[in-house]
């Protein structure tokens, strides 16, 4: 059984600590961001928690599978720096996606950001990657 401690729960994200593996998971909910300031405030809170957690010695899993799709220009411009700040500084970063379009969007973001990350559709495979184990 996977044990985790909840670090944050709000309308947009649930952040959990998988302390045994030094992995933190940021799971997006299905709630859309209504405004750009709402998104910015949420990501400020996420980054504060990730900073407190200790990025340099931890792995990050970002689960986007429930996130509503969005790629309008205003959102993309605001999201870029927030995304980069959230993902930087971890030993390993795994992104969970559920659709081919989601995979393409994450690939584009990874290219733009220049950050090393891996994409998965299976949570167990993402965890295995973070732990340096062969995929189940």
Foldseek 3Di string as FASTA:
>chain_A
DQDWDWPDDDPFWTWIASPVLQEIETETALDADPDLVSVVVVLVVLLVVCVVSPAQAHEYEYECANYDDDDDPVNCVSVLVSVLSNPPNHPAYEYAYADPVRVVVVVVSCVVNVDDYYYDNDPQQRVCVSNVHHRD
